[in-house]
Protein backbone atom coordinates (compact mmCIF):
# COMPACT_ATOMS: atom_id res chain seq x y z
CA MET A 1 -27.50 -4.40 14.59
CA PRO A 2 -27.21 -7.39 12.42
CA THR A 3 -27.71 -7.87 8.70
CA SER A 4 -30.87 -9.70 7.50
CA ALA A 5 -30.71 -13.18 8.38
CA ARG A 6 -29.18 -15.69 5.83
CA GLN A 7 -28.07 -19.23 6.02
CA HIS A 8 -24.32 -18.65 5.85
CA PRO A 9 -23.59 -14.82 4.81
CA PHE A 10 -19.95 -15.61 6.02
CA SER A 11 -17.33 -18.10 4.58
CA LEU A 12 -13.63 -18.37 4.43
CA HIS A 13 -11.95 -19.40 1.21
CA ILE A 14 -8.25 -20.74 1.38
CA GLN A 15 -6.35 -20.54 -1.62
CA HIS A 16 -5.33 -24.23 -2.90
CA VAL A 17 -6.77 -25.95 0.32
CA GLN A 18 -9.81 -27.91 0.51
CA HIS A 19 -11.28 -27.64 3.89
CA ASP A 20 -14.74 -27.79 5.91
CA PHE A 21 -14.35 -24.78 7.87
CA LYS A 22 -17.37 -22.88 8.89
CA VAL A 23 -16.95 -19.43 10.16
CA LEU A 24 -18.46 -19.03 13.39
CA GLU A 25 -17.66 -15.28 14.26
CA PHE A 26 -15.08 -12.62 13.43
CA THR A 27 -13.80 -9.21 14.46
CA GLY A 28 -11.60 -7.01 12.20
CA GLU A 29 -9.82 -3.78 12.75
CA GLU A 30 -8.66 -1.55 9.69
CA ALA A 31 -7.65 1.94 9.34
CA ILE A 32 -5.72 4.04 6.79
CA SER A 33 -2.03 4.05 6.77
CA THR A 34 -2.31 0.75 9.26
CA PRO A 35 -2.10 -3.07 8.21
CA TYR A 36 -5.30 -4.34 9.11
CA ALA A 37 -6.16 -7.59 11.14
CA PHE A 38 -9.04 -9.85 11.34
CA LYS A 39 -9.32 -12.63 13.94
CA ILE A 40 -11.59 -15.34 12.98
CA GLU A 41 -12.89 -18.42 15.04
CA LEU A 42 -13.84 -21.37 12.89
CA VAL A 43 -15.40 -24.88 13.34
CA SER A 44 -14.79 -28.13 11.58
CA GLU A 45 -15.56 -31.73 11.91
CA HIS A 46 -11.62 -32.61 11.51
CA ALA A 47 -9.45 -32.35 14.53
CA GLY A 48 -6.48 -33.31 12.90
CA ILE A 49 -5.90 -30.72 10.50
CA ASP A 50 -2.14 -29.94 9.74
CA LEU A 51 -1.78 -26.15 10.88
CA ASP A 52 1.62 -25.75 9.06
CA THR A 53 0.00 -26.36 5.60
CA LEU A 54 -2.16 -23.41 6.28
CA MET A 55 0.41 -20.92 7.25
CA SER A 56 0.87 -17.92 5.26
CA HIS A 57 -1.75 -19.01 2.67
CA SER A 58 -3.93 -16.57 0.95
CA ALA A 59 -7.47 -16.46 2.06
CA PHE A 60 -10.79 -14.33 1.61
CA LEU A 61 -13.21 -13.94 4.30
CA ALA A 62 -16.52 -13.34 2.65
CA PHE A 63 -19.06 -11.20 4.10
CA ASP A 64 -21.89 -12.10 1.53
CA ASP A 65 -22.12 -13.95 -1.86
CA GLN A 66 -21.33 -10.55 -3.77
CA GLY A 67 -17.67 -10.47 -3.69
CA CYS A 68 -17.74 -8.27 -0.59
CA GLY A 69 -14.97 -9.17 2.17
CA VAL A 70 -11.49 -8.93 3.32
CA HIS A 71 -8.47 -10.92 1.58
CA GLY A 72 -5.18 -11.40 3.49
CA GLN A 73 -2.58 -14.03 4.39
CA ILE A 74 -2.90 -16.43 7.26
CA LEU A 75 -0.64 -14.84 9.66
CA ASP A 76 -1.21 -17.33 12.71
CA ILE A 77 -3.43 -20.21 13.28
CA GLU A 78 -4.51 -22.16 16.70
CA GLN A 79 -6.40 -25.34 17.23
CA GLY A 80 -8.80 -25.32 20.16
CA HIS A 81 -11.39 -27.01 21.94
CA SER A 82 -12.65 -30.31 20.73
CA ASP A 83 -16.02 -31.83 21.56
CA SER A 84 -17.81 -34.82 20.31
CA ARG A 85 -18.40 -33.54 16.95
CA LEU A 86 -16.86 -30.08 16.26
CA THR A 87 -13.41 -28.61 16.89
CA ARG A 88 -12.66 -25.04 17.05
CA TYR A 89 -9.91 -23.12 15.10
CA TYR A 90 -8.67 -19.54 15.30
CA LEU A 91 -6.82 -17.61 12.86
CA THR A 92 -5.52 -14.11 12.08
CA LEU A 93 -5.94 -12.70 8.45
CA THR A 94 -3.33 -9.68 7.76
CA PRO A 95 -2.32 -8.17 4.42
CA HIS A 96 1.27 -9.41 3.00
CA LEU A 97 2.60 -6.03 4.18
CA ALA A 98 2.38 -7.16 7.74
CA ASN A 99 5.39 -9.32 7.06
CA LEU A 100 7.73 -6.49 6.72
CA LYS A 101 7.38 -6.07 10.57
CA TYR A 102 9.40 -9.18 11.19
CA ARG A 103 12.43 -7.89 9.32
CA THR A 104 14.82 -5.22 10.93
CA ASN A 105 17.83 -3.76 9.21
CA HIS A 106 20.68 -1.03 9.32
CA ARG A 107 20.85 0.29 5.83
CA ILE A 108 21.40 3.10 3.61
CA PHE A 109 19.67 4.24 0.48
CA GLN A 110 21.20 7.16 -1.73
CA ASN A 111 19.82 9.39 -4.32
CA LEU A 112 16.33 7.39 -4.46
CA THR A 113 12.83 8.97 -3.90
CA VAL A 114 10.78 7.89 -1.08
CA GLN A 115 8.50 6.12 -3.61
CA GLN A 116 11.49 4.04 -5.08
CA ILE A 117 12.66 3.27 -1.50
CA ILE A 118 9.27 1.72 -0.78
CA GLU A 119 9.09 -0.18 -3.86
CA THR A 120 12.40 -1.63 -3.35
CA LEU A 121 11.49 -2.83 0.14
CA LEU A 122 8.26 -4.22 -1.35
CA GLU A 123 9.43 -6.25 -4.02
CA GLU A 124 12.22 -7.54 -1.69
CA HIS A 125 9.30 -9.22 0.09
CA GLY A 126 7.74 -10.64 -2.92
CA ILE A 127 5.11 -7.68 -3.12
CA PHE A 128 5.49 -6.90 -6.63
CA SER A 129 3.88 -4.07 -8.94
CA ASP A 130 0.61 -5.88 -9.61
CA ALA A 131 0.02 -5.92 -5.77
CA TYR A 132 0.60 -2.29 -5.04
CA ALA A 133 0.11 1.17 -6.86
CA PHE A 134 0.96 4.66 -6.29
CA ASN A 135 -2.16 6.89 -7.17
CA ALA A 136 -2.92 10.62 -7.04
CA PHE A 137 0.84 11.21 -6.26
CA SER A 138 2.81 14.37 -6.20
CA PRO A 139 6.28 14.42 -7.77
CA CYS A 140 9.08 14.14 -4.64
CA LEU A 141 12.50 14.79 -4.87
CA PRO A 142 15.30 12.12 -4.29
CA ARG A 143 16.83 11.88 -0.99
CA GLU A 144 20.45 12.31 -1.17
CA TYR A 145 21.06 10.17 1.90
CA CYS A 146 18.36 8.16 3.66
CA VAL A 147 18.85 5.82 6.61
CA GLN A 148 16.96 2.82 7.93
CA TYR A 149 18.55 2.28 11.42
CA ALA A 150 17.32 -0.65 13.67
CA GLU A 151 13.95 -0.19 12.39
CA SER A 152 11.68 -2.94 10.83
CA ASP A 153 10.93 -2.63 7.35
CA LEU A 154 7.21 -1.86 8.09
CA ASP A 155 8.23 0.89 10.56
CA PHE A 156 10.82 2.21 7.96
CA ILE A 157 7.96 2.63 5.48
CA GLN A 158 5.62 4.17 7.99
CA ARG A 159 8.18 6.85 9.04
CA LEU A 160 9.08 7.71 5.30
CA CYS A 161 5.22 8.02 4.73
CA PHE A 162 4.73 10.05 7.86
CA GLU A 163 7.58 12.39 6.71
CA GLU A 164 6.45 12.85 3.44
CA GLY A 165 2.66 12.94 4.17
CA PHE A 166 1.76 9.74 2.16
CA HIS A 167 -1.08 7.64 3.04
CA TYR A 168 -2.01 4.00 1.99
CA TYR A 169 -5.03 1.89 2.19
CA PHE A 170 -6.09 -1.47 0.85
CA LYS A 171 -8.58 -2.64 -1.90
CA HIS A 172 -9.96 -6.30 -1.73
CA SER A 173 -11.49 -8.76 -4.01
CA PRO A 174 -11.77 -12.72 -3.60
CA ASP A 175 -8.54 -13.07 -5.66
CA GLY A 176 -6.30 -10.79 -3.71
CA HIS A 177 -5.56 -7.26 -2.13
CA THR A 178 -3.91 -4.27 -3.68
CA LEU A 179 -1.84 -1.74 -1.50
CA VAL A 180 -2.44 1.92 -2.55
CA PHE A 181 -0.26 4.71 -1.90
CA GLY A 182 -1.17 8.10 -2.44
CA ASP A 183 -0.78 11.72 -1.10
CA LYS A 184 -4.05 13.51 -2.33
CA GLN A 185 -7.96 12.81 -1.75
CA GLN A 186 -8.32 11.65 -5.10
CA ALA A 187 -6.28 8.41 -4.58
CA PHE A 188 -9.18 7.48 -2.16
CA THR A 189 -12.05 5.18 -3.77
CA PRO A 190 -15.61 6.21 -3.19
CA LEU A 191 -18.06 3.31 -2.46
CA THR A 192 -20.42 2.61 -5.24
CA HIS A 193 -23.94 3.54 -3.45
CA PRO A 194 -24.99 6.06 -0.67
CA THR A 195 -25.90 4.36 2.56
CA PRO A 196 -28.85 5.93 4.43
CA TYR A 197 -29.28 7.02 7.99
CA VAL A 198 -32.04 4.97 9.54
CA PRO A 199 -32.00 5.21 13.34
CA ASN A 200 -33.46 2.50 15.49
CA ASN A 201 -33.87 0.31 12.61
CA GLY A 202 -34.39 -2.71 14.91
CA MET A 203 -32.41 -5.95 15.21
CA VAL A 204 -33.13 -7.00 11.76
CA ALA A 205 -32.66 -4.57 9.00
CA ALA A 206 -34.12 -5.05 5.39
CA GLU A 207 -31.26 -2.98 3.62
CA PRO A 208 -28.02 -1.87 4.92
CA SER A 209 -28.12 1.46 6.70
CA ILE A 210 -26.44 3.75 9.30
CA ASP A 211 -28.31 3.70 12.66
CA ARG A 212 -25.79 6.05 14.50
CA PHE A 213 -23.96 9.14 13.29
CA LYS A 214 -22.51 11.98 15.21
CA LEU A 215 -19.74 14.85 14.63
CA ARG A 216 -17.21 15.81 17.17
CA LEU A 217 -15.13 19.14 16.86
CA LYS A 218 -11.66 19.67 18.76
CA ILE A 219 -9.08 22.45 19.18
CA GLY A 220 -5.87 21.68 17.41
CA THR A 221 -2.64 23.25 16.17
CA ASN A 222 -3.47 25.77 13.53
CA HIS A 223 0.09 27.34 12.64
CA ILE A 224 3.11 25.48 11.70
CA VAL A 225 6.90 27.04 11.59
CA ARG A 226 9.86 25.14 10.37
CA ARG A 227 13.41 26.31 10.63
CA ASP A 228 16.60 24.86 9.17
CA TYR A 229 20.30 25.78 8.54
CA ASP A 230 22.47 25.63 5.41
CA PHE A 231 26.33 25.96 6.29
CA GLN A 232 26.76 26.84 2.50
CA LYS A 233 24.48 29.96 3.13
CA ALA A 234 25.05 30.57 6.74
CA SER A 235 23.38 34.18 6.60
CA ARG A 236 20.49 33.03 5.21
CA THR A 237 17.35 32.45 7.27
CA LEU A 238 15.66 29.24 6.13
CA GLU A 239 12.31 29.31 7.62
CA ALA A 240 8.77 28.17 6.08
CA ASP A 241 5.28 28.38 7.68
CA SER A 242 1.88 27.54 7.16
CA HIS A 243 -1.58 28.36 8.82
CA PHE A 244 -5.19 28.65 8.59
CA GLU A 245 -6.96 31.96 8.36
CA ARG A 246 -9.17 31.58 11.58
CA LYS A 247 -10.11 34.05 14.37
CA GLU A 248 -9.11 31.89 17.04
CA ARG A 249 -5.91 32.29 19.02
CA VAL A 250 -2.69 31.16 17.32
CA LEU A 251 -1.70 27.65 18.61
CA GLU A 252 1.88 27.02 16.76
CA HIS A 253 4.06 24.12 16.17
CA TYR A 254 7.70 25.16 15.84
CA ARG A 255 10.32 22.71 14.73
CA TYR A 256 13.90 22.70 14.13
CA PRO A 257 15.69 21.16 12.19
CA GLY A 258 12.91 21.27 9.49
CA GLY A 259 14.63 18.75 7.30
CA PHE A 260 15.02 21.19 4.18
CA LYS A 261 17.35 23.23 2.41
CA GLN A 262 14.87 24.92 -0.34
CA LYS A 263 12.35 27.25 0.95
CA ALA A 264 9.98 25.51 -1.64
CA ASP A 265 10.45 22.27 0.05
CA GLY A 266 9.96 23.98 3.49
CA GLU A 267 6.69 25.41 2.59
CA ARG A 268 5.70 21.90 1.25
CA LEU A 269 6.49 20.18 4.39
CA SER A 270 4.96 22.98 6.57
CA GLN A 271 1.81 22.53 4.84
CA ARG A 272 1.53 19.02 5.12
CA ALA A 273 2.39 19.14 8.80
CA LEU A 274 -0.48 21.74 9.27
CA GLU A 275 -2.68 19.28 7.26
CA HIS A 276 -1.66 16.40 9.83
CA HIS A 277 -2.67 18.52 12.72
CA GLN A 278 -5.90 19.32 11.28
CA THR A 279 -6.87 15.96 9.92
CA GLY A 280 -8.97 15.10 13.34
CA HIS A 281 -10.34 18.60 13.81
CA ARG A 282 -13.80 17.49 12.52
CA LEU A 283 -14.28 13.58 13.28
CA ALA A 284 -17.24 11.74 12.57
CA SER A 285 -18.26 8.30 13.97
CA GLY A 286 -20.89 5.90 13.78
CA SER A 287 -22.35 2.39 13.45
CA SER A 288 -24.06 0.60 10.69
CA ASN A 289 -24.82 -2.89 9.16
CA GLN A 290 -23.19 -2.06 5.85
CA PRO A 291 -20.64 -4.39 5.12
CA ARG A 292 -18.93 -2.47 2.32
CA LEU A 293 -17.69 0.22 4.68
CA CYS A 294 -13.72 -0.02 4.88
CA SER A 295 -10.93 2.42 5.39
CA GLY A 296 -9.77 4.59 2.59
CA HIS A 297 -13.09 4.68 1.01
CA PHE A 298 -15.73 7.72 0.57
CA LEU A 299 -18.94 6.76 2.56
CA THR A 300 -21.84 8.90 0.96
CA LEU A 301 -24.33 9.66 3.79
CA SER A 302 -27.89 10.10 2.79
CA GLU A 303 -31.26 10.83 4.30
CA HIS A 304 -29.93 12.41 7.60
CA LYS A 305 -31.99 15.26 8.99
CA ASN A 306 -28.93 17.54 9.29
CA THR A 307 -28.72 17.86 5.50
CA ALA A 308 -25.19 19.48 5.90
CA TRP A 309 -24.15 15.83 7.00
CA ASN A 310 -25.46 14.11 3.82
CA GLY A 311 -22.52 13.82 1.39
CA ARG A 312 -19.13 12.22 1.34
CA TRP A 313 -17.14 11.19 4.38
CA LEU A 314 -13.69 9.68 4.24
CA LEU A 315 -13.51 6.36 6.21
CA THR A 316 -10.46 6.50 8.37
CA HIS A 317 -11.40 3.63 10.75
CA VAL A 318 -13.74 0.74 10.77
CA HIS A 319 -14.37 -1.99 13.21
CA HIS A 320 -16.05 -4.94 11.99
CA GLU A 321 -17.95 -7.80 13.60
CA GLY A 322 -19.70 -10.77 12.64
CA LYS A 323 -21.61 -13.72 14.32
CA GLN A 324 -23.27 -16.77 12.79
CA PRO A 325 -24.13 -19.16 15.45
CA GLN A 326 -26.63 -21.25 13.15
CA VAL A 327 -23.39 -23.13 12.24
CA LEU A 328 -23.48 -24.82 15.71
CA GLU A 329 -27.31 -25.06 15.46
CA GLU A 330 -26.97 -27.27 12.37
CA GLN A 331 -24.85 -29.92 14.48
CA GLY A 332 -27.29 -29.91 16.96
CA ARG A 333 -25.71 -27.66 19.26
CA THR A 334 -27.44 -25.01 21.26
CA ARG A 335 -26.26 -21.21 21.98
CA GLN A 336 -26.36 -19.58 25.48
CA PRO A 337 -29.48 -17.24 25.95
CA ALA A 338 -28.90 -13.65 24.78
CA GLN A 339 -29.06 -10.65 26.90
CA LEU A 340 -31.30 -8.06 26.13
CA ASP A 341 -30.15 -5.78 23.15
CA GLU A 342 -26.94 -8.20 22.89
CA PHE A 343 -25.51 -8.58 19.16
CA THR A 344 -25.76 -12.13 18.67
CA GLN A 345 -26.09 -12.69 14.93
CA GLY A 346 -25.36 -11.06 11.68
CA TYR A 347 -22.91 -8.12 10.93
CA ARG A 348 -22.21 -4.84 12.22
CA ASN A 349 -19.53 -2.40 12.47
CA THR A 350 -18.41 0.88 13.88
CA PHE A 351 -16.52 3.48 12.03
CA GLU A 352 -14.90 6.86 12.13
CA GLY A 353 -14.50 9.51 9.21
CA ILE A 354 -13.50 12.93 8.21
CA PRO A 355 -15.28 15.43 5.71
CA GLU A 356 -14.21 14.85 1.89
CA ALA A 357 -12.76 18.26 1.88
CA VAL A 358 -10.21 17.93 4.87
CA THR A 359 -6.95 16.35 3.20
CA PHE A 360 -6.18 13.35 5.24
CA ARG A 361 -2.43 12.82 6.67
CA PRO A 362 -1.34 10.06 8.65
CA GLN A 363 -2.19 10.43 12.39
CA LYS A 364 0.39 8.12 13.91
CA VAL A 365 3.73 9.70 14.75
CA TYR A 366 6.54 7.82 13.36
CA ALA A 367 9.75 9.58 14.99
CA LYS A 368 13.49 8.84 13.92
CA PRO A 369 15.19 6.38 15.87
CA ARG A 370 17.20 8.02 18.82
CA ILE A 371 20.93 7.41 18.39
CA ILE A 372 22.87 8.12 21.81
CA GLY A 373 26.36 9.21 21.50
CA SER A 374 28.79 8.74 18.75
CA GLN A 375 30.01 5.89 16.56
CA THR A 376 33.25 5.10 14.80
CA ALA A 377 33.45 4.87 11.01
CA ARG A 378 36.33 4.63 8.28
CA VAL A 379 37.07 7.33 5.73
CA THR A 380 36.76 6.04 2.39
CA GLY A 381 37.36 7.21 -1.31
CA PRO A 382 38.54 6.14 -4.68
CA ALA A 383 41.19 3.15 -5.04
CA GLY A 384 44.45 4.54 -4.76
CA GLU A 385 43.68 7.91 -3.44
CA GLU A 386 44.99 9.05 0.03
CA ILE A 387 42.95 12.35 0.64
CA HIS A 388 39.42 12.43 -0.90
CA CYS A 389 37.40 15.48 0.06
CA ASP A 390 35.33 18.40 -1.55
CA GLU A 391 35.93 22.24 -1.25
CA TYR A 392 34.58 22.11 2.14
CA GLY A 393 36.96 19.66 3.42
CA ARG A 394 34.02 17.11 3.86
CA VAL A 395 34.82 13.55 3.55
CA ARG A 396 32.96 10.13 2.86
CA VAL A 397 32.88 7.46 5.43
CA LYS A 398 31.64 3.87 5.88
CA PHE A 399 29.83 2.84 9.25
CA HIS A 400 30.67 -0.37 10.51
CA TRP A 401 26.91 -1.42 10.54
CA ASP A 402 26.50 -0.88 6.83
CA ARG A 403 26.69 -4.26 5.09
CA SER A 404 26.47 -2.93 1.56
CA ASP A 405 29.41 -3.55 -1.11
CA LEU A 406 30.03 0.12 -1.35
CA ASN A 407 33.59 0.62 -0.17
CA ASN A 408 34.57 3.49 -2.02
CA GLU A 409 33.82 7.21 -2.76
CA GLN A 410 30.07 6.19 -3.13
CA SER A 411 29.85 4.75 0.37
CA SER A 412 27.82 7.93 1.93
CA CYS A 413 27.07 11.66 1.28
CA TRP A 414 29.78 14.23 2.14
CA VAL A 415 30.32 14.38 5.76
CA ARG A 416 31.46 17.51 7.47
CA VAL A 417 34.60 17.52 9.57
CA SER A 418 34.67 19.40 12.68
CA SER A 419 37.70 21.59 13.93
CA SER A 420 38.35 23.32 17.25
CA TRP A 421 38.45 26.65 15.72
CA ALA A 422 36.76 28.08 12.50
CA GLY A 423 35.76 31.60 11.19
CA ASP A 424 36.09 34.16 8.31
CA GLY A 425 40.04 34.00 7.89
CA TYR A 426 40.60 32.08 10.94
CA GLY A 427 40.92 28.34 12.01
CA ALA A 428 42.70 25.14 10.80
CA VAL A 429 41.89 22.20 8.60
CA THR A 430 42.70 18.64 9.28
CA ILE A 431 41.71 16.26 6.69
CA PRO A 432 41.32 12.61 7.61
CA ARG A 433 42.85 10.38 5.30
CA VAL A 434 41.17 7.48 3.38
CA GLY A 435 41.27 4.42 5.64
CA MET A 436 41.59 6.37 8.97
CA GLU A 437 39.23 5.82 11.57
CA VAL A 438 37.02 8.66 12.63
CA LEU A 439 34.51 9.48 15.39
CA GLY A 440 31.21 10.29 13.79
CA SER A 441 28.29 11.97 15.46
CA VAL A 442 25.44 9.82 13.97
CA ARG A 443 22.41 11.91 15.46
CA LYS A 444 22.24 13.76 12.11
CA VAL A 445 22.46 10.62 9.74
CA LEU A 446 18.70 9.99 9.95
CA SER A 447 18.12 13.51 8.53
CA GLN A 448 20.69 13.29 5.73
CA ALA A 449 23.46 14.84 7.20
CA PRO A 450 26.01 12.95 9.30
CA HIS A 451 29.01 15.06 10.88
CA SER A 452 32.52 13.45 11.46
CA ALA A 453 34.24 14.69 14.63
CA GLY A 454 37.71 14.10 13.11
CA GLN A 455 40.32 11.49 13.64
């Protein structure tokens, strides 16, 4: 279902570049907590454009002349077929955040909040505070020990957001795009005007409208249980649960370790896990020719016969499509005859959304990397000290993959040392000396609790 016919509703503006590109067509995919990607097909009267000069440039794909569109960077570009007059070019527009996919690291962050870790990574990639924001954000505690292990910077951020229940989306303008993080519904942005439901509105619509809207319900997890263990309080059962008050049968998701040491933290994590499982319980989908629909924004539906559906829906995913074959006709080219009901010109989209009252949590699961077996590490401590341990006999270590300059008592958190026999009034203690090599079980490194198997 295309928009009303206009001469050139779509255009591409590339920062600091003069060009004669005309947009022939495009498709775009965007979703909350996912970097978007728009693939654009262009035509030009020039067959010798230097593609290298366009790479990584900022650009704005305009859907109209009112500032509606998508801003991003040119991730890739390709020159295609040339005929007697026109040459085809193809490029992909993505956010600057997509660059983080191409740097992988092994790295330790200590005593920083997830927000501080994300800010550090973004600014290392040149994404500064004027290009991102943390809105409607709950305070979070610093992580004593947080490891990025063989993950890209993007996957690491995605995993941290998944673990904490944070989401992100993008705001666009002709001059730039802003990356917005949050963990509450208030972080999302409402669209300015309602969009009416007008089914079967024909191939050319006078005003933007929604021509299809449906709602699907499905069964999902409704009870979350998390359990963990604190060796300093071994007799205490450390458990938290969250559930919905429903008459249906209990569908429980139980996990150990739960990743917490305090009851309040466990309750927060279990509640966010429950919200994750319930995000897709009621899922709306539809199609429209409203170009202002974008993920992370509230659509206000109006004029639907089912009045319970009229109201705000959070757009979680939008697929965009635009075509303007008239740019070929201006050059004397002819287009192929269209099939019946085939989309040939204008703008359309399909979308998914959830009710405003449902708290959104990221749906894609980003698990911690699996580390098979053990690794060796070196015991560290203050200069001149032979033994450096705490009251529990724990030591600090430096893993061989750690490229930081820290080579002292700050190189890691306290690491427990195993013994062959332990109990109340029993056992033996062997404290590894500073500089010794130890065999470390790294399976818990990612959950902030590495463990040493001794010398």
